[in-house]
Every structure is written in C-alpha cells, then in structure tokens.
Amino acid sequence: MSARAAADAFERAFGHPPTGVWAAPGRVNLIGEYTDVNEGFVLPLALPHTVRAAAAPRDDGRLRLHRGDDPATGWAELGPADLAPGRTTGWAAYPAGVLWALREAGHELGGADLQIDGDVPQGAGLSSSAALECAVALALAGTAGLGLDPRETARICQRAENAFVGVPCGIMDQTASVSCVAGHALHLDTRDLTHRQVPFDPEAAGLRLLVVDTRVKHALADGAYAQRRAGCEAGARALGVRALRDVPHDRLEDALDRLPDSGLRALVRHVVTEDERVRQVVERLDAGDVRAVGPLLDAGHASLRDDFRVSCPELDLAVAVANSAGALGAGMTGAGFGGSVVALAPAERAADVERAVLGAFARAGHARPRVFAVVAGAGARRLA
C-alpha cells in the first residue's frame, strides 16, 4: 500500500485526514538467535515488508485504532483507564503499550487516531509485532513533534512489549526495525546498542536469500522462550558473569565443566557458540565472501535444534530439503517451534529450492509454506 492509499484508508476510517504516514519493517535475523537476551551479538536485516501507521493526534487522551487488514473486527477504542499494563489485550495491546511507554518515559502525549496496515507475515518469526510497535512509535512521536532517536525508540518499544504486552523479548527486533539500512545487515551489540552496518548484497554475488515461512507455530513457543531465557540467566549466575556474552569462546569448555546440569550446559554452549558464529559471518561479509556464510547457517540451526531444542519437524524439514536442493546453507530464524527458515542459495537454484520445499511439505502433510526471496531493506521512516 502506498502512502497515499494509507492516508485515504485513514480518512475513510476516521472521517478526517491524517497528519502523516509512517512505516517500519519486519526483520529476518541472518545469524544470532537467543543471543540478544544474553546481551550478545546479532546480525539482522530489515525486510522490504512493512507495517504502516497513518496517524493524527487527539486531545482527549483516547486511542482509536483501526486495522486495514481486518476492517470488520479490527476496531479498538481505548480510554485513559485502558492504557495501563493488564488492561488491554490482543493486537491492540501493542500500540497501546507504545503510547503507555512513551508517557512513562516522560513524553507528554495526548491520544491519537491510528490506521494500521502492513504486509509483514504474522506468526512467521519475522517480527511483525516489533514492526507494529516501531511504526506506531514513529507515528505518535511524529504527530507530537518529538525528536526521538532510534536507540530511544527501540528501548521504548521493547518496554512496551515487555511490561505492557508481557512478552519477555530482547531488543534486537525493535533496533533492527528502526536502525537497519538498505543493502546492509546490522551488526548489533545488544548490551549497549552500538552497531555497524555490514554490506550484505547476496544478489551481487549471484545468490538469493530465501525465506521459508512454514506457516506453523506450535503451542510450546511462548512458554519455551521464557524457559530458555530463565535457563540462560541461571547459567550466567552459576558462572559468575553478568550475561553469557561474557563467557569467552576460547574458554567455553572450562565454563561447561563448571556446570553440573546438562541442560544448562547445552544452553550455555549454544549462546557462546552462536555469538562466535555471528563474529565469523561478519568476518566473511567484510571479506566479500557471501558464499562462505552458508555453512554457518547450518551450524547455527544444528545448535538451535540440538542444544537449545527450539526447532520442530517443519523447520528441520525445510532446512534439510533446501540444502539437498542446492542451498549453500539454511537455518531457522526467530524464536522457533515454527516460524521461518532462511536459506542462502545460488540464484540459478532458488526455484529448485522452492519447488523442493513445497513438494516435501505436501508429501509430509504439512501446511503449504510460503517461500520468497528477500533483500536487505530500509529501516523505519516517514512516508508522507
């Protein structure tokens, strides 16, 4: 949807024109899963898919919301009493949480009318919720004339999801949505949010980055995420470090020997080796060797499957079939138990990979996945 179409949709919904239209992208994480909740390193890139928010301010403290992708039931109207943790649930909690978090950060904001639409696949591990939060944050800040920098925006959106929605996510998704640059992956230190833009243009190397959206999300996902995070924190306490990013890769075996519990050892091993894989991928991209990234995607998936145990049959099938059809490497992206896989394939084999994955899922009786190529897109911005 263009900015003009978004503005027109807003006017149809609310009867007056918006102040502006803002957009924020979803993200795909090339490597670095569950490292952000351990203050480690990640390497996401922004998708070309975005959530768009057309907005106009209100002076009565109310938040009126309309989802363009669900015109029949996608209405919500929230009064001041609803803008507190625990008072609003469902999709409306995300924009409500952003307004609450902005106010908690000391920004004086009234209410707003918001028309929301987008094309970031939901439930695919591609951060549609972070895209929604960041688009709303930019819209609310823009209508109020606030000069938020990307780092503050990311922290406000993370607080909205943690404290208002109740999801204990890290800060990678929000930072990627507001800070990514087209044609680059974001090498992000999630402890202090320092980052560097790393050139990432697989097409120039004759490659395609494919996303396989399995279209499944198993019921274990949310609870398992919190359990894994708590386990990592227990491992850090047992090792006497602030976070697992502080365990040096070359001292990993010594650290594992100090942990009596095999479950903790597996969690620690994944996080420490995943941080090392992020470093190695960045090293290869800096050297212009995009093809050499493939085996590191495979290694990351094996670690998530075997040590972190957050994979599922659909993800494992997508990885195995993509590789057998010619991909240079593949691995799950996101929190797991469904969601998506990324596969790096030679351009001439991309169609073969897609056909092979679709055929394998059909034979296994799984839902038909969605397979599409992505390029590194731009971060959050004002459209009109």
Protein backbone atom coordinates (compact mmCIF):
# COMPACT_ATOMS: atom_id res chain seq x y z
CA MET A 1 0.00 0.00 0.00
CA SER A 2 1.33 3.44 -0.93
CA ALA A 3 1.42 6.38 1.45
CA ARG A 4 -1.49 7.91 -0.46
CA ALA A 5 -3.54 4.73 -0.15
CA ALA A 6 -2.76 4.57 3.60
CA ALA A 7 -3.85 8.18 4.04
CA ASP A 8 -7.05 7.52 2.11
CA ALA A 9 -7.78 4.45 4.25
CA PHE A 10 -7.29 6.57 7.38
CA GLU A 11 -9.74 9.19 6.12
CA ARG A 12 -12.35 6.54 5.32
CA ALA A 13 -11.99 5.09 8.80
CA PHE A 14 -11.92 8.29 10.83
CA GLY A 15 -13.55 10.93 8.65
CA HIS A 16 -10.59 13.32 8.58
CA PRO A 17 -7.10 13.27 7.01
CA PRO A 18 -4.05 12.03 8.91
CA THR A 19 -1.13 14.18 9.98
CA GLY A 20 1.22 11.74 8.27
CA VAL A 21 2.07 8.14 7.40
CA TRP A 22 4.98 6.19 8.87
CA ALA A 23 6.36 2.72 8.15
CA ALA A 24 8.58 0.22 9.95
CA PRO A 25 9.88 -3.07 8.55
CA GLY A 26 9.91 -6.58 9.85
CA ARG A 27 13.29 -8.25 10.08
CA VAL A 28 14.97 -11.52 9.34
CA ASN A 29 17.89 -12.47 11.53
CA LEU A 30 20.69 -13.89 9.44
CA ILE A 31 22.50 -15.30 12.48
CA GLY A 32 22.40 -14.77 16.24
CA GLU A 33 19.36 -16.45 17.78
CA TYR A 34 18.73 -16.09 21.53
CA THR A 35 21.91 -14.07 21.87
CA ASP A 36 20.03 -10.79 22.33
CA VAL A 37 18.50 -11.97 25.62
CA ASN A 38 22.07 -12.74 26.73
CA GLU A 39 23.42 -9.25 25.90
CA GLY A 40 25.23 -10.73 22.93
CA PHE A 41 25.59 -10.08 19.21
CA VAL A 42 23.10 -10.39 16.36
CA LEU A 43 23.05 -9.78 12.61
CA PRO A 44 19.54 -8.92 11.40
CA LEU A 45 18.48 -7.20 8.21
CA ALA A 46 15.29 -5.29 7.53
CA LEU A 47 12.71 -6.87 5.25
CA PRO A 48 11.11 -4.96 2.39
CA HIS A 49 7.81 -5.84 4.11
CA THR A 50 6.50 -3.15 6.49
CA VAL A 51 3.75 -2.16 8.87
CA ARG A 52 2.34 1.28 8.07
CA ALA A 53 0.68 3.65 10.51
CA ALA A 54 -1.31 6.70 9.41
CA ALA A 55 -1.98 8.92 12.41
CA ALA A 56 -3.50 12.12 13.70
CA PRO A 57 -3.35 13.44 17.29
CA ARG A 58 -6.27 13.67 19.70
CA ASP A 59 -6.54 15.96 22.73
CA ASP A 60 -8.87 13.76 24.81
CA GLY A 61 -6.35 11.10 25.79
CA ARG A 62 -8.16 8.37 23.84
CA LEU A 63 -6.56 5.95 21.39
CA ARG A 64 -8.69 4.91 18.43
CA LEU A 65 -7.30 2.08 16.32
CA HIS A 66 -8.31 0.55 13.03
CA ARG A 67 -6.61 -2.34 11.24
CA GLY A 68 -6.93 -2.14 7.49
CA ASP A 69 -6.32 -5.89 7.09
CA ASP A 70 -9.32 -6.63 9.31
CA PRO A 71 -11.88 -3.92 8.54
CA ALA A 72 -14.83 -5.77 10.08
CA THR A 73 -13.44 -6.53 13.55
CA GLY A 74 -10.19 -4.59 13.61
CA TRP A 75 -11.54 -1.65 15.60
CA ALA A 76 -10.45 -0.73 19.11
CA GLU A 77 -11.15 2.38 21.13
CA LEU A 78 -9.25 2.77 24.38
CA GLY A 79 -9.81 5.33 27.08
CA PRO A 80 -7.18 6.61 29.53
CA ALA A 81 -8.00 3.82 32.02
CA ASP A 82 -7.22 1.20 29.36
CA LEU A 83 -3.69 2.50 28.81
CA ALA A 84 -2.13 0.58 31.69
CA PRO A 85 -0.49 -2.85 31.83
CA GLY A 86 -3.01 -5.64 32.15
CA ARG A 87 -5.96 -3.55 30.97
CA THR A 88 -5.71 -4.18 27.20
CA THR A 89 -5.09 -7.48 25.44
CA GLY A 90 -4.85 -8.78 21.89
CA TRP A 91 -3.38 -6.87 18.98
CA ALA A 92 -4.45 -3.51 20.43
CA ALA A 93 -2.07 -4.02 23.37
CA TYR A 94 0.92 -3.33 21.13
CA PRO A 95 0.01 0.24 20.05
CA ALA A 96 -1.48 0.91 23.49
CA GLY A 97 1.74 -0.26 25.10
CA VAL A 98 3.79 2.08 22.94
CA LEU A 99 1.70 5.09 23.99
CA TRP A 100 1.99 3.99 27.64
CA ALA A 101 5.77 3.52 27.35
CA LEU A 102 6.22 6.93 25.73
CA ARG A 103 4.32 8.55 28.58
CA GLU A 104 6.28 6.54 31.16
CA ALA A 105 9.48 7.85 29.54
CA GLY A 106 8.36 11.39 30.30
CA HIS A 107 6.87 12.41 26.96
CA GLU A 108 3.63 14.36 27.23
CA LEU A 109 1.26 12.85 24.72
CA GLY A 110 -2.47 13.06 24.27
CA GLY A 111 -4.34 10.43 22.32
CA ALA A 112 -4.35 9.54 18.65
CA ASP A 113 -6.29 8.04 15.79
CA LEU A 114 -4.27 5.30 14.08
CA GLN A 115 -4.95 3.38 10.88
CA ILE A 116 -2.66 0.34 10.67
CA ASP A 117 -1.94 -1.97 7.78
CA GLY A 118 1.00 -3.94 6.54
CA ASP A 119 2.42 -6.94 4.74
CA VAL A 120 4.85 -8.41 7.30
CA PRO A 121 3.85 -12.08 7.63
CA GLN A 122 2.40 -12.66 11.10
CA GLY A 123 3.47 -15.61 13.23
CA ALA A 124 6.44 -16.27 10.93
CA GLY A 125 9.26 -15.22 13.24
CA LEU A 126 9.79 -12.08 11.16
CA SER A 127 8.97 -9.57 13.90
CA SER A 128 5.60 -8.29 12.80
CA SER A 129 4.98 -7.18 16.40
CA ALA A 130 8.19 -5.10 16.51
CA ALA A 131 7.30 -3.57 13.15
CA LEU A 132 3.89 -2.62 14.54
CA GLU A 133 5.42 -1.13 17.69
CA CYS A 134 8.02 0.88 15.80
CA ALA A 135 5.57 2.19 13.20
CA VAL A 136 3.25 3.32 15.98
CA ALA A 137 6.11 4.86 17.96
CA LEU A 138 7.23 6.89 14.95
CA ALA A 139 3.66 7.92 14.25
CA LEU A 140 2.91 9.02 17.83
CA ALA A 141 6.23 10.83 18.10
CA GLY A 142 5.75 12.44 14.72
CA THR A 143 2.27 13.75 15.45
CA ALA A 144 3.54 15.17 18.77
CA GLY A 145 6.70 16.69 17.33
CA LEU A 146 9.02 14.55 19.46
CA GLY A 147 12.59 14.13 18.29
CA LEU A 148 13.23 10.52 19.30
CA ASP A 149 16.49 8.94 18.18
CA PRO A 150 16.48 5.29 17.01
CA ARG A 151 18.03 3.98 20.22
CA GLU A 152 15.38 5.60 22.41
CA THR A 153 12.64 4.44 20.07
CA ALA A 154 13.87 0.85 20.27
CA ARG A 155 14.03 0.90 24.07
CA ILE A 156 10.53 2.38 24.35
CA CYS A 157 9.12 -0.29 22.03
CA GLN A 158 10.89 -3.07 23.90
CA ARG A 159 9.48 -1.78 27.19
CA ALA A 160 6.01 -1.73 25.66
CA GLU A 161 6.33 -5.40 24.71
CA ASN A 162 7.98 -6.48 27.97
CA ALA A 163 5.99 -4.52 30.55
CA PHE A 164 2.67 -3.84 28.81
CA VAL A 165 2.12 -6.80 26.49
CA GLY A 166 4.01 -9.19 28.77
CA VAL A 167 6.41 -10.76 26.27
CA PRO A 168 10.00 -11.02 27.63
CA CYS A 169 11.66 -10.25 24.29
CA GLY A 170 15.12 -8.83 23.77
CA ILE A 171 15.80 -5.59 21.93
CA MET A 172 17.09 -6.91 18.62
CA ASP A 173 13.82 -6.78 16.71
CA GLN A 174 12.98 -3.20 17.60
CA THR A 175 16.54 -1.98 16.98
CA ALA A 176 16.66 -3.69 13.60
CA SER A 177 13.34 -2.16 12.61
CA VAL A 178 14.46 1.40 13.36
CA SER A 179 18.20 1.22 12.55
CA CYS A 180 18.72 -1.03 9.52
CA VAL A 181 19.96 0.42 6.24
CA ALA A 182 19.12 -0.91 2.79
CA GLY A 183 21.77 -3.20 1.37
CA HIS A 184 23.24 -3.96 4.78
CA ALA A 185 22.91 -6.26 7.76
CA LEU A 186 23.08 -4.71 11.23
CA HIS A 187 25.92 -5.99 13.42
CA LEU A 188 24.42 -5.12 16.78
CA ASP A 189 25.81 -5.39 20.29
CA THR A 190 22.60 -5.79 22.28
CA ARG A 191 24.26 -4.77 25.54
CA ASP A 192 24.90 -1.14 24.65
CA LEU A 193 23.16 -0.97 21.22
CA THR A 194 26.34 0.05 19.42
CA HIS A 195 26.17 -1.23 15.89
CA ARG A 196 27.78 -1.23 12.47
CA GLN A 197 26.22 -1.57 9.05
CA VAL A 198 27.75 -4.56 7.25
CA PRO A 199 27.32 -4.68 3.46
CA PHE A 200 25.05 -7.57 2.52
CA ASP A 201 24.14 -7.96 -1.15
CA PRO A 202 23.86 -11.65 -1.99
CA GLU A 203 22.40 -10.89 -5.42
CA ALA A 204 25.64 -9.18 -6.42
CA ALA A 205 27.36 -12.49 -5.64
CA GLY A 206 24.87 -14.45 -7.74
CA LEU A 207 22.94 -15.65 -4.68
CA ARG A 208 19.43 -15.36 -3.27
CA LEU A 209 18.41 -15.18 0.37
CA LEU A 210 15.20 -17.16 0.62
CA VAL A 211 12.74 -17.15 3.50
CA VAL A 212 10.62 -20.24 4.06
CA ASP A 213 7.62 -19.29 6.19
CA THR A 214 6.39 -22.65 7.49
CA ARG A 215 3.06 -21.08 8.46
CA VAL A 216 3.06 -23.02 11.72
CA LYS A 217 3.53 -22.00 15.32
CA HIS A 218 3.44 -24.72 17.91
CA ALA A 219 1.85 -24.11 21.30
CA LEU A 220 5.17 -24.58 23.10
CA ALA A 221 6.65 -21.41 21.63
CA ASP A 222 5.80 -18.71 24.16
CA GLY A 223 6.42 -20.72 27.32
CA ALA A 224 9.60 -22.26 25.91
CA TYR A 225 11.01 -18.83 25.13
CA ALA A 226 10.63 -17.74 28.74
CA GLN A 227 12.07 -21.04 29.99
CA ARG A 228 15.14 -20.77 27.76
CA ARG A 229 15.72 -17.20 28.86
CA ALA A 230 15.47 -18.15 32.53
CA GLY A 231 17.85 -21.04 31.94
CA CYS A 232 20.42 -18.76 30.34
CA GLU A 233 20.19 -16.37 33.28
CA ALA A 234 20.71 -19.31 35.66
CA GLY A 235 23.76 -20.37 33.65
CA ALA A 236 25.22 -16.88 33.86
CA ARG A 237 24.70 -16.79 37.63
CA ALA A 238 26.34 -20.19 38.01
CA LEU A 239 29.36 -18.98 36.06
CA GLY A 240 29.57 -15.67 37.94
CA VAL A 241 29.11 -13.46 34.87
CA ARG A 242 26.61 -10.72 34.14
CA ALA A 243 25.42 -12.44 30.95
CA LEU A 244 26.51 -15.35 28.80
CA ARG A 245 28.09 -12.99 26.27
CA ASP A 246 30.84 -12.58 28.89
CA VAL A 247 31.93 -16.22 28.56
CA PRO A 248 34.87 -16.22 26.08
CA HIS A 249 34.53 -18.69 23.24
CA ASP A 250 38.08 -19.96 23.79
CA ARG A 251 37.21 -20.72 27.44
CA LEU A 252 33.90 -22.41 26.71
CA GLU A 253 34.97 -25.92 27.67
CA ASP A 254 36.27 -24.68 31.01
CA ALA A 255 32.94 -22.95 31.62
CA LEU A 256 30.94 -26.05 30.71
CA ASP A 257 33.00 -28.16 33.11
CA ARG A 258 31.87 -25.85 35.93
CA LEU A 259 28.18 -26.51 35.26
CA PRO A 260 26.78 -29.66 36.87
CA ASP A 261 23.50 -29.61 34.96
CA SER A 262 23.48 -30.94 31.38
CA GLY A 263 20.53 -28.72 30.47
CA LEU A 264 22.38 -25.58 31.49
CA ARG A 265 25.49 -26.75 29.66
CA ALA A 266 23.53 -27.09 26.44
CA LEU A 267 22.01 -23.61 26.75
CA VAL A 268 25.38 -22.03 27.51
CA ARG A 269 27.08 -23.88 24.66
CA HIS A 270 24.53 -22.60 22.15
CA VAL A 271 24.74 -18.96 23.22
CA VAL A 272 28.55 -18.81 23.33
CA THR A 273 28.99 -20.59 20.01
CA GLU A 274 26.22 -18.53 18.40
CA ASP A 275 27.99 -15.30 19.37
CA GLU A 276 31.10 -16.76 17.73
CA ARG A 277 29.11 -17.61 14.59
CA VAL A 278 27.92 -14.01 14.39
CA ARG A 279 31.55 -12.88 14.52
CA GLN A 280 32.53 -15.31 11.80
CA VAL A 281 29.66 -14.31 9.49
CA VAL A 282 30.58 -10.64 9.85
CA GLU A 283 34.21 -11.51 9.10
CA ARG A 284 33.18 -13.28 5.90
CA LEU A 285 30.87 -10.49 4.79
CA ASP A 286 33.56 -7.90 5.39
CA ALA A 287 35.84 -10.00 3.17
CA GLY A 288 33.15 -10.10 0.47
CA ASP A 289 32.75 -13.87 0.75
CA VAL A 290 28.97 -14.20 0.99
CA ARG A 291 29.02 -17.85 -0.12
CA ALA A 292 31.05 -18.82 2.97
CA VAL A 293 28.13 -17.78 5.19
CA GLY A 294 26.14 -20.89 4.23
CA PRO A 295 27.86 -23.47 6.48
CA LEU A 296 27.50 -21.13 9.45
CA LEU A 297 23.73 -21.04 8.93
CA ASP A 298 23.75 -24.84 9.04
CA ALA A 299 25.82 -24.86 12.23
CA GLY A 300 23.50 -22.34 13.87
CA HIS A 301 20.45 -24.43 13.07
CA ALA A 302 22.07 -27.60 14.43
CA SER A 303 22.85 -25.76 17.68
CA LEU A 304 19.31 -24.43 17.99
CA ARG A 305 17.91 -27.90 17.26
CA ASP A 306 20.20 -29.99 19.45
CA ASP A 307 21.38 -27.71 22.28
CA PHE A 308 18.64 -25.11 22.58
CA ARG A 309 15.92 -27.51 21.43
CA VAL A 310 13.66 -24.90 19.89
CA SER A 311 13.26 -26.41 16.43
CA CYS A 312 10.37 -28.53 15.16
CA PRO A 313 9.76 -31.03 12.33
CA GLU A 314 8.68 -28.35 9.85
CA LEU A 315 11.79 -26.23 10.41
CA ASP A 316 14.11 -29.24 10.25
CA LEU A 317 12.45 -30.44 7.04
CA ALA A 318 12.77 -27.02 5.40
CA VAL A 319 16.48 -26.83 6.26
CA ALA A 320 17.27 -30.37 5.09
CA VAL A 321 15.33 -30.09 1.83
CA ALA A 322 16.69 -26.63 1.00
CA ASN A 323 20.23 -27.90 1.38
CA SER A 324 19.59 -31.06 -0.62
CA ALA A 325 18.09 -28.94 -3.43
CA GLY A 326 21.19 -26.77 -3.75
CA ALA A 327 21.20 -24.19 -0.97
CA LEU A 328 24.62 -23.32 0.44
CA GLY A 329 23.22 -23.36 3.96
CA ALA A 330 19.98 -22.82 5.88
CA GLY A 331 18.76 -22.31 9.41
CA MET A 332 15.77 -21.27 11.46
CA THR A 333 15.27 -17.61 12.26
CA GLY A 334 13.28 -16.33 15.21
CA ALA A 335 12.22 -17.98 18.45
CA GLY A 336 11.48 -21.39 16.92
CA PHE A 337 8.77 -24.07 17.26
CA GLY A 338 7.55 -22.87 13.88
CA GLY A 339 8.09 -19.62 12.05
CA SER A 340 10.66 -19.33 9.31
CA VAL A 341 13.91 -20.62 7.85
CA VAL A 342 16.48 -18.63 5.89
CA ALA A 343 18.33 -20.34 3.07
CA LEU A 344 21.23 -18.95 1.05
CA ALA A 345 21.13 -20.37 -2.46
CA PRO A 346 22.77 -19.75 -5.83
CA ALA A 347 20.35 -17.68 -7.91
CA GLU A 348 20.05 -20.43 -10.51
CA ARG A 349 19.00 -22.94 -7.83
CA ALA A 350 16.49 -20.74 -6.00
CA ALA A 351 13.49 -22.05 -7.97
CA ASP A 352 14.67 -25.62 -7.37
CA VAL A 353 14.84 -24.97 -3.64
CA GLU A 354 11.33 -23.54 -3.61
CA ARG A 355 9.87 -26.45 -5.58
CA ALA A 356 11.65 -29.00 -3.39
CA VAL A 357 10.42 -27.43 -0.15
CA LEU A 358 6.84 -27.14 -1.39
CA GLY A 359 6.88 -30.75 -2.55
CA ALA A 360 8.39 -32.07 0.67
CA PHE A 361 5.84 -30.25 2.83
CA ALA A 362 2.97 -31.59 0.71
CA ARG A 363 4.24 -35.16 0.99
CA ALA A 364 4.66 -34.79 4.76
CA GLY A 365 1.12 -33.46 5.17
CA HIS A 366 2.28 -30.08 6.48
CA ALA A 367 0.61 -26.76 5.69
CA ARG A 368 1.80 -25.25 2.42
CA PRO A 369 4.74 -22.95 3.26
CA ARG A 370 5.37 -19.58 1.74
CA VAL A 371 8.78 -19.23 0.05
CA PHE A 372 10.08 -15.84 -1.06
CA ALA A 373 13.35 -14.05 -1.73
CA VAL A 374 14.30 -11.01 0.33
CA VAL A 375 16.78 -8.20 0.05
CA ALA A 376 18.11 -6.03 2.87
CA GLY A 377 15.59 -3.21 3.13
CA ALA A 378 15.43 0.21 4.77
CA GLY A 379 14.60 0.90 8.40
CA ALA A 380 11.64 2.79 9.86
CA ARG A 381 10.79 6.10 8.21
CA ARG A 382 8.13 8.67 7.46
CA LEU A 383 6.37 8.10 4.15
CA ALA A 384 4.19 11.20 3.93
